[in-house]
């Protein structure tokens, strides 16, 4: 091999070795969650595997894989639940798994989610490590793993697949791999409606890069990276000792007018919306309702964007009696926590694509009139919100940090088992 090939071959295992603590920690947390779910479900006479693969949205995805689009359920109140509401990438992968193996469609969805959750954990680590160092990357992954709704990461749902595509698309933007970012954003747009957030992140970064080129501004020292000691505006941040890599928040290389950079950037921006736009236009053509046909499909599920009005009414309704008022207080605290994390991300000077992505995911989750019990899992892909907490935890000593995360992981596993054995869909 040439010198270059030797260095590349040596670098590949090094990348995996660097991410190994995060991936092993993530696997341990998810294994604990599945073990607790199995014991809890057995005690209630239920099948944990059925809960993970054959309830709620999982059934809709497997029906798409098996029967294709066109299946719908008409409810007594006149609502029409059509499987056109479910984007196609996960069903395609389920069908592929069933075609090349003895797995059923539901089995395929479970395997895809398990592998995608590992890919998502690796992508989250890659983003956090690139910006703030290895220790912060490990903490970010573990925080994502111990989320109260973390059990969804192991379900035959599309959240893990979407988060994996989104995380690696953002990493590609941050490292200047525009075509890769565009391709991954296109696939994310075929996975969930919130794929719009990834497209917005790619476009925001691309537009920012063009504006910087026109103004001739420097790419370093523009808020895209945090100083090595984590101090910014009075030393509020606290990343690990290793200084983060510097670079533009839009992922452009240090020489913005390098040959081919603009072409790759434009290509990535053009590729990014193709997945979401292609599926939405196809649904409109299939239903005969034109470009807005997908919105009509979502309306049949009583899903829409109302600026948070329906959610506000739902929260206000919790305060009509004392027991439910406790739930209302919990909801208000949860929303306040999310908003606080958004503010911290801005004060932390996160790169523009991360801010746009997390902000769009958060806005779509909180301001949609969808099933309110699903709000926590709809927020789960917004992993950049966890980075301020990851930076704080990265400064804690290893032993108390491990003990604290283990306790939170146990609580998350118990809550996930309780939640998944409940009556409503997560």
Protein backbone atom coordinates (compact mmCIF):
# COMPACT_ATOMS: atom_id res chain seq x y z
CA UNK A 1 0.00 0.00 0.00
CA UNK A 2 1.04 3.60 -0.48
CA UNK A 3 1.80 5.88 2.44
CA UNK A 4 -1.64 7.51 2.09
CA UNK A 5 -3.43 4.14 2.06
CA UNK A 6 -1.52 3.04 5.15
CA UNK A 7 -2.54 6.17 7.06
CA UNK A 8 -6.18 5.79 5.97
CA UNK A 9 -6.28 2.13 7.01
CA UNK A 10 -4.84 3.01 10.40
CA UNK A 11 -7.30 5.90 10.87
CA UNK A 12 -10.45 3.82 10.36
CA UNK A 13 -10.12 1.62 13.45
CA UNK A 14 -8.94 4.70 15.36
CA UNK A 15 -12.26 6.44 14.67
CA UNK A 16 -14.20 3.48 16.05
CA UNK A 17 -11.82 3.18 19.00
CA UNK A 18 -12.39 6.83 19.84
CA UNK A 19 -16.16 6.35 19.86
CA UNK A 20 -16.01 2.99 21.68
CA UNK A 21 -16.68 4.31 25.24
CA UNK A 22 -19.76 6.16 24.02
CA UNK A 23 -21.08 3.18 22.05
CA UNK A 24 -20.40 0.70 24.86
CA UNK A 25 -22.07 2.98 27.39
CA UNK A 26 -25.03 3.46 25.09
CA UNK A 27 -25.37 -0.30 24.54
CA UNK A 28 -25.29 -0.91 28.30
CA UNK A 29 -28.05 1.64 28.94
CA UNK A 30 -30.27 0.24 26.22
CA UNK A 31 -29.63 -3.36 27.37
CA UNK A 32 -30.70 -2.35 30.87
CA UNK A 33 -33.84 -0.75 29.47
CA UNK A 34 -34.75 -3.85 27.48
CA UNK A 35 -34.10 -6.14 30.45
CA UNK A 36 -36.33 -4.09 32.75
CA UNK A 37 -38.99 -3.94 30.04
CA UNK A 38 -38.89 -7.74 29.66
CA UNK A 39 -39.28 -8.32 33.41
CA UNK A 40 -42.01 -5.69 33.79
CA UNK A 41 -43.97 -6.98 30.80
CA UNK A 42 -43.67 -10.60 31.98
CA UNK A 43 -45.08 -9.60 35.37
CA UNK A 44 -48.08 -8.04 33.60
CA UNK A 45 -48.58 -10.99 31.27
CA UNK A 46 -47.49 -9.09 28.17
CA UNK A 47 -44.84 -9.66 25.53
CA UNK A 48 -42.05 -7.09 25.57
CA UNK A 49 -41.20 -7.93 21.96
CA UNK A 50 -44.79 -7.28 20.87
CA UNK A 51 -44.71 -3.93 22.63
CA UNK A 52 -41.55 -3.04 20.75
CA UNK A 53 -42.55 -4.26 17.29
CA UNK A 54 -46.31 -4.65 16.89
CA UNK A 55 -48.19 -1.78 18.49
CA UNK A 56 -49.20 1.72 17.44
CA UNK A 57 -46.95 3.24 14.75
CA UNK A 58 -44.98 0.02 14.39
CA UNK A 59 -48.06 -1.67 12.94
CA UNK A 60 -48.58 1.11 10.43
CA UNK A 61 -45.01 0.85 9.22
CA UNK A 62 -45.22 -2.94 8.80
CA UNK A 63 -48.50 -2.58 6.91
CA UNK A 64 -46.82 -0.19 4.49
CA UNK A 65 -43.96 -2.67 4.06
CA UNK A 66 -46.34 -5.57 3.48
CA UNK A 67 -49.26 -4.02 1.60
CA UNK A 68 -47.90 -0.76 0.25
CA UNK A 69 -49.73 2.53 0.47
CA UNK A 70 -53.50 2.89 0.30
CA UNK A 71 -54.57 1.35 3.62
CA UNK A 72 -56.79 3.57 5.78
CA UNK A 73 -59.09 3.38 8.76
CA UNK A 74 -62.30 5.42 8.98
CA UNK A 75 -63.28 6.29 12.54
CA UNK A 76 -66.86 6.80 13.79
CA UNK A 77 -66.24 10.55 14.18
CA UNK A 78 -65.39 10.85 10.49
CA UNK A 79 -61.60 11.01 10.82
CA UNK A 80 -59.63 9.06 8.22
CA UNK A 81 -56.32 7.54 9.31
CA UNK A 82 -54.34 6.86 6.14
CA UNK A 83 -50.96 5.14 6.02
CA UNK A 84 -49.86 7.86 3.59
CA UNK A 85 -49.02 9.85 6.72
CA UNK A 86 -46.02 7.54 7.30
CA UNK A 87 -42.89 8.31 5.32
CA UNK A 88 -41.42 5.40 3.35
CA UNK A 89 -37.76 4.86 4.29
CA UNK A 90 -38.35 2.63 7.33
CA UNK A 91 -40.93 0.43 5.51
CA UNK A 92 -38.52 0.14 2.57
CA UNK A 93 -35.80 -1.09 4.91
CA UNK A 94 -38.22 -3.50 6.59
CA UNK A 95 -39.14 -4.90 3.19
CA UNK A 96 -35.47 -5.20 2.26
CA UNK A 97 -34.68 -7.05 5.51
CA UNK A 98 -37.55 -9.47 4.89
CA UNK A 99 -36.41 -10.03 1.29
CA UNK A 100 -32.81 -10.93 2.11
CA UNK A 101 -33.40 -12.83 5.37
CA UNK A 102 -35.98 -15.00 7.14
CA UNK A 103 -37.05 -12.01 9.25
CA UNK A 104 -40.63 -10.78 9.21
CA UNK A 105 -41.39 -7.15 8.48
CA UNK A 106 -41.78 -6.46 12.21
CA UNK A 107 -38.49 -8.24 12.93
CA UNK A 108 -36.83 -6.18 10.23
CA UNK A 109 -38.13 -2.96 11.79
CA UNK A 110 -36.74 -3.98 15.17
CA UNK A 111 -33.30 -4.82 13.72
CA UNK A 112 -33.23 -1.58 11.71
CA UNK A 113 -34.05 0.42 14.84
CA UNK A 114 -31.37 -1.32 16.90
CA UNK A 115 -28.70 -0.69 14.27
CA UNK A 116 -29.94 2.83 13.62
CA UNK A 117 -29.86 3.66 17.33
CA UNK A 118 -26.18 2.71 17.44
CA UNK A 119 -25.55 4.79 14.32
CA UNK A 120 -27.41 7.69 15.95
CA UNK A 121 -25.33 7.37 19.12
CA UNK A 122 -22.16 7.38 17.02
CA UNK A 123 -23.35 10.41 15.07
CA UNK A 124 -24.18 12.34 18.25
CA UNK A 125 -20.73 11.48 19.57
CA UNK A 126 -19.11 12.59 16.32
CA UNK A 127 -20.82 16.01 16.46
CA UNK A 128 -20.08 16.61 20.15
CA UNK A 129 -16.52 15.29 19.89
CA UNK A 130 -15.83 17.46 16.85
CA UNK A 131 -16.96 20.58 18.70
CA UNK A 132 -16.07 19.99 22.35
CA UNK A 133 -13.95 16.87 22.73
CA UNK A 134 -14.26 13.17 23.45
CA UNK A 135 -15.48 13.36 27.04
CA UNK A 136 -18.30 15.74 26.12
CA UNK A 137 -19.18 13.40 23.25
CA UNK A 138 -19.50 10.42 25.58
CA UNK A 139 -21.65 12.45 27.98
CA UNK A 140 -23.91 13.63 25.13
CA UNK A 141 -24.52 10.06 23.99
CA UNK A 142 -25.26 8.83 27.51
CA UNK A 143 -27.66 11.71 28.10
CA UNK A 144 -29.50 10.80 24.91
CA UNK A 145 -29.60 7.16 26.02
CA UNK A 146 -31.09 7.90 29.46
CA UNK A 147 -33.88 10.17 28.24
CA UNK A 148 -37.16 9.17 29.92
CA UNK A 149 -38.53 8.09 26.53
CA UNK A 150 -35.28 6.37 25.54
CA UNK A 151 -37.09 3.04 25.13
CA UNK A 152 -38.44 4.41 21.82
CA UNK A 153 -34.89 4.13 20.49
CA UNK A 154 -35.32 0.33 20.60
CA UNK A 155 -38.82 0.26 19.09
CA UNK A 156 -39.69 -0.37 15.45
CA UNK A 157 -40.32 3.35 15.11
CA UNK A 158 -38.53 5.81 12.83
CA UNK A 159 -37.02 8.07 15.53
CA UNK A 160 -33.70 6.22 15.76
CA UNK A 161 -33.31 6.04 11.98
CA UNK A 162 -34.12 9.72 11.61
CA UNK A 163 -31.77 10.78 14.42
CA UNK A 164 -28.93 8.77 12.87
CA UNK A 165 -29.40 10.42 9.48
CA UNK A 166 -29.80 13.87 11.04
CA UNK A 167 -26.73 13.56 13.28
CA UNK A 168 -24.45 12.41 10.48
CA UNK A 169 -25.87 15.04 8.11
CA UNK A 170 -25.02 17.74 10.66
CA UNK A 171 -21.56 16.26 11.13
CA UNK A 172 -21.07 16.31 7.37
CA UNK A 173 -22.04 19.99 7.27
CA UNK A 174 -19.69 20.84 10.13
CA UNK A 175 -16.80 19.11 8.37
CA UNK A 176 -17.50 20.55 4.92
CA UNK A 177 -18.82 17.37 3.27
CA UNK A 178 -21.65 19.09 1.44
CA UNK A 179 -22.73 16.35 -0.96
CA UNK A 180 -22.81 13.79 1.86
CA UNK A 181 -24.84 16.23 3.96
CA UNK A 182 -27.30 16.71 1.12
CA UNK A 183 -27.72 12.98 0.53
CA UNK A 184 -28.27 12.27 4.24
CA UNK A 185 -30.71 15.19 4.52
CA UNK A 186 -32.61 13.77 1.55
CA UNK A 187 -32.86 10.39 3.27
CA UNK A 188 -33.95 12.06 6.52
CA UNK A 189 -36.69 13.75 4.49
CA UNK A 190 -37.89 10.28 3.46
CA UNK A 191 -38.06 9.18 7.09
CA UNK A 192 -40.20 11.68 9.01
CA UNK A 193 -41.98 14.99 8.30
CA UNK A 194 -39.47 16.66 10.64
CA UNK A 195 -36.86 15.96 7.98
CA UNK A 196 -37.57 19.59 7.15
CA UNK A 197 -35.32 20.45 10.11
CA UNK A 198 -32.30 18.79 8.49
CA UNK A 199 -33.00 20.48 5.18
CA UNK A 200 -33.26 23.84 6.96
CA UNK A 201 -29.93 23.23 8.70
CA UNK A 202 -28.14 22.44 5.43
CA UNK A 203 -29.64 25.46 3.68
CA UNK A 204 -28.92 27.82 6.58
CA UNK A 205 -25.30 26.69 6.62
CA UNK A 206 -25.01 27.01 2.85
CA UNK A 207 -26.50 30.50 2.74
CA UNK A 208 -24.27 31.59 5.63
CA UNK A 209 -21.22 30.31 3.73
CA UNK A 210 -22.14 32.31 0.62
CA UNK A 211 -22.73 35.45 2.67
CA UNK A 212 -19.35 35.02 4.37
CA UNK A 213 -17.64 34.67 1.04
CA UNK A 214 -19.24 37.88 -0.21
CA UNK A 215 -18.30 39.80 2.93
CA UNK A 216 -14.79 38.32 3.10
CA UNK A 217 -15.24 37.62 6.82
CA UNK A 218 -12.90 35.27 8.60
CA UNK A 219 -14.15 31.77 9.25
CA UNK A 220 -12.46 31.48 12.63
CA UNK A 221 -13.63 33.37 15.70
CA UNK A 222 -17.22 33.78 14.49
CA UNK A 223 -18.87 31.80 17.24
CA UNK A 224 -18.55 28.47 15.52
CA UNK A 225 -16.16 27.04 18.06
CA UNK A 226 -15.65 27.40 21.78
CA UNK A 227 -12.22 28.26 23.16
CA UNK A 228 -10.25 25.44 24.60
CA UNK A 229 -10.98 26.41 28.19
CA UNK A 230 -14.69 26.72 27.46
CA UNK A 231 -14.80 30.34 28.56
CA UNK A 232 -17.03 32.64 26.57
CA UNK A 233 -18.58 35.80 27.91
CA UNK A 234 -17.44 35.32 31.49
CA UNK A 235 -16.53 31.65 31.29
CA UNK A 236 -20.01 30.14 31.34
CA UNK A 237 -19.24 27.05 29.26
CA UNK A 238 -17.19 24.17 30.53
CA UNK A 239 -15.99 21.62 27.98
CA UNK A 240 -13.24 19.10 28.61
CA UNK A 241 -9.60 20.17 28.51
CA UNK A 242 -9.02 19.32 24.85
CA UNK A 243 -9.54 22.35 22.66
CA UNK A 244 -12.26 21.84 20.06
CA UNK A 245 -11.52 21.98 16.39
CA UNK A 246 -12.02 25.36 14.85
CA UNK A 247 -13.85 26.07 11.64
CA UNK A 248 -16.87 27.75 10.18
CA UNK A 249 -20.33 26.96 11.53
CA UNK A 250 -21.44 26.10 8.02
CA UNK A 251 -18.75 23.51 7.50
CA UNK A 252 -16.87 25.41 4.82
CA UNK A 253 -13.12 24.81 4.59
CA UNK A 254 -10.65 27.49 5.70
CA UNK A 255 -10.23 28.63 2.08
CA UNK A 256 -13.83 29.46 1.14
CA UNK A 257 -12.99 30.06 -2.52
CA UNK A 258 -11.15 26.76 -3.00
CA UNK A 259 -11.97 25.19 -6.40
CA UNK A 260 -15.03 22.99 -6.31
CA UNK A 261 -16.23 24.08 -2.87
CA UNK A 262 -19.09 26.18 -4.20
CA UNK A 263 -20.19 23.45 -6.60
CA UNK A 264 -20.25 20.84 -3.83
CA UNK A 265 -22.09 23.23 -1.54
CA UNK A 266 -24.76 23.99 -4.16
CA UNK A 267 -25.06 20.27 -4.95
CA UNK A 268 -25.62 19.46 -1.29
CA UNK A 269 -28.22 22.18 -0.93
CA UNK A 270 -30.09 20.97 -4.02
CA UNK A 271 -30.01 17.33 -2.87
CA UNK A 272 -31.21 18.06 0.68
CA UNK A 273 -34.93 18.70 0.02
CA UNK A 274 -35.43 16.02 -2.64
CA UNK A 275 -36.56 13.27 -0.26
CA UNK A 276 -39.23 15.21 1.60
CA UNK A 277 -40.38 17.14 -1.46
CA UNK A 278 -40.53 13.99 -3.58
CA UNK A 279 -42.71 12.10 -1.12
CA UNK A 280 -45.03 15.03 -0.39
CA UNK A 281 -45.55 15.69 -4.11
CA UNK A 282 -46.15 11.97 -4.72
CA UNK A 283 -48.82 11.90 -2.00
CA UNK A 284 -50.47 14.94 -3.54
CA UNK A 285 -50.50 13.28 -6.93
CA UNK A 286 -51.86 10.02 -5.48
CA UNK A 287 -54.65 11.71 -3.53
CA UNK A 288 -55.46 14.13 -6.33
CA UNK A 289 -55.21 17.08 -3.96
CA UNK A 290 -52.06 18.60 -5.42
CA UNK A 291 -48.98 19.82 -3.52
CA UNK A 292 -50.97 20.29 -0.29
CA UNK A 293 -52.43 16.79 -0.34
CA UNK A 294 -50.11 15.59 2.41
CA UNK A 295 -51.50 18.25 4.75
CA UNK A 296 -54.98 16.83 4.14
CA UNK A 297 -53.69 13.37 5.03
CA UNK A 298 -52.25 14.71 8.28
CA UNK A 299 -55.50 16.53 8.99
CA UNK A 300 -57.24 13.17 8.94
CA UNK A 301 -55.06 12.28 11.93
CA UNK A 302 -55.85 15.69 13.50
CA UNK A 303 -52.22 16.66 13.02
CA UNK A 304 -51.33 20.18 12.02
CA UNK A 305 -49.30 23.25 12.93
CA UNK A 306 -51.27 25.73 15.03
CA UNK A 307 -48.47 27.58 16.78
CA UNK A 308 -48.96 25.61 19.99
CA UNK A 309 -52.58 26.68 20.60
CA UNK A 310 -53.93 23.14 20.97
CA UNK A 311 -51.06 22.14 23.24
CA UNK A 312 -51.60 25.23 25.40
CA UNK A 313 -55.28 24.36 25.74
CA UNK A 314 -54.37 20.80 26.64
CA UNK A 315 -52.00 21.98 29.38
CA UNK A 316 -54.54 24.50 30.68
CA UNK A 317 -57.12 21.73 30.86
CA UNK A 318 -54.94 19.84 33.33
CA UNK A 319 -55.60 22.53 35.95
CA UNK A 320 -59.33 21.88 36.20
CA UNK A 321 -58.89 19.45 39.10
CA UNK A 322 -56.25 18.72 41.70
CA UNK A 323 -54.84 15.36 40.58
CA UNK A 324 -54.50 16.44 36.96
CA UNK A 325 -53.03 19.77 38.05
CA UNK A 326 -49.87 17.91 39.05
CA UNK A 327 -49.56 16.69 35.46
CA UNK A 328 -50.09 20.26 34.27
CA UNK A 329 -47.29 21.51 36.49
CA UNK A 330 -45.02 18.74 35.18
CA UNK A 331 -45.83 19.73 31.60
CA UNK A 332 -45.07 23.39 32.29
CA UNK A 333 -41.77 22.45 33.90
CA UNK A 334 -40.92 20.25 30.94
CA UNK A 335 -41.62 23.03 28.43
CA UNK A 336 -39.64 25.49 30.56
CA UNK A 337 -36.70 23.05 30.61
CA UNK A 338 -36.76 22.72 26.82
CA UNK A 339 -36.87 26.50 26.36
CA UNK A 340 -34.04 26.92 28.89
CA UNK A 341 -31.90 24.43 26.98
CA UNK A 342 -32.61 26.29 23.74
CA UNK A 343 -31.40 29.50 25.37
CA UNK A 344 -28.27 27.76 26.65
CA UNK A 345 -27.52 26.47 23.15
CA UNK A 346 -27.64 30.02 21.81
CA UNK A 347 -25.51 31.39 24.65
CA UNK A 348 -23.08 28.52 24.08
CA UNK A 349 -22.68 29.78 20.49
CA UNK A 350 -23.43 26.43 18.94
CA UNK A 351 -22.81 26.30 15.17
CA UNK A 352 -25.64 27.68 13.07
CA UNK A 353 -26.76 24.32 11.57
CA UNK A 354 -27.21 22.83 15.05
CA UNK A 355 -29.22 25.82 16.25
CA UNK A 356 -31.46 25.77 13.18
CA UNK A 357 -31.96 22.00 13.37
CA UNK A 358 -32.74 21.86 17.10
CA UNK A 359 -34.93 24.95 16.92
CA UNK A 360 -36.98 23.56 14.04
CA UNK A 361 -37.43 20.15 15.69
CA UNK A 362 -38.50 21.84 18.94
CA UNK A 363 -40.92 24.22 17.21
CA UNK A 364 -42.54 21.43 15.18
CA UNK A 365 -42.91 19.24 18.27
CA UNK A 366 -44.34 21.87 20.62
CA UNK A 367 -46.42 23.81 18.10
CA UNK A 368 -48.13 20.88 16.37
CA UNK A 369 -51.66 19.80 17.23
CA UNK A 370 -50.71 16.13 17.30
CA UNK A 371 -51.23 13.53 20.03
CA UNK A 372 -49.94 15.26 23.15
CA UNK A 373 -48.60 12.12 24.80
CA UNK A 374 -46.11 11.84 21.93
CA UNK A 375 -44.48 15.23 22.51
CA UNK A 376 -41.52 13.82 24.49
CA UNK A 377 -40.53 11.36 21.78
CA UNK A 378 -41.03 13.97 19.06
CA UNK A 379 -38.39 16.04 20.87
CA UNK A 380 -35.97 13.12 21.14
CA UNK A 381 -34.15 13.82 17.81
CA UNK A 382 -33.27 17.34 19.06
CA UNK A 383 -30.00 16.08 20.55
CA UNK A 384 -28.14 19.44 20.29
CA UNK A 385 -30.27 20.56 23.26
CA UNK A 386 -28.28 18.08 25.35
CA UNK A 387 -24.88 19.57 24.54
CA UNK A 388 -24.92 22.25 27.28
CA UNK A 389 -25.63 19.53 29.85
CA UNK A 390 -22.95 17.32 28.30
CA UNK A 391 -20.41 20.11 28.64
CA UNK A 392 -21.29 20.55 32.30
CA UNK A 393 -21.08 16.81 33.01
CA UNK A 394 -17.75 16.56 31.19
CA UNK A 395 -16.19 18.52 34.05
CA UNK A 396 -17.46 16.11 36.74
CA UNK A 397 -15.12 13.44 38.08
CA UNK A 398 -15.52 10.03 36.50
CA UNK A 399 -16.69 8.09 39.56
CA UNK A 400 -19.56 10.36 40.66
CA UNK A 401 -20.47 10.92 37.01
CA UNK A 402 -20.75 7.16 36.40
CA UNK A 403 -22.78 6.66 39.60
CA UNK A 404 -25.17 9.47 38.73
CA UNK A 405 -25.71 8.30 35.16
CA UNK A 406 -26.26 4.72 36.35
CA UNK A 407 -28.99 5.90 38.72
CA UNK A 408 -30.65 7.95 36.00
CA UNK A 409 -30.39 5.00 33.58
CA UNK A 410 -32.18 2.75 36.09
CA UNK A 411 -34.92 5.33 36.58
CA UNK A 412 -35.26 5.76 32.80
CA UNK A 413 -35.49 1.99 32.30
CA UNK A 414 -38.25 1.71 34.91
CA UNK A 415 -40.16 4.65 33.48
CA UNK A 416 -39.84 3.30 29.93
CA UNK A 417 -41.19 -0.10 30.99
CA UNK A 418 -44.09 1.54 32.84
CA UNK A 419 -44.83 3.87 29.93
CA UNK A 420 -44.70 1.18 27.25
CA UNK A 421 -47.00 -1.10 29.26
CA UNK A 422 -49.58 1.70 29.48
CA UNK A 423 -52.68 2.15 27.35
CA UNK A 424 -51.65 5.04 25.11
CA UNK A 425 -49.13 5.16 22.30
CA UNK A 426 -45.74 6.69 23.10
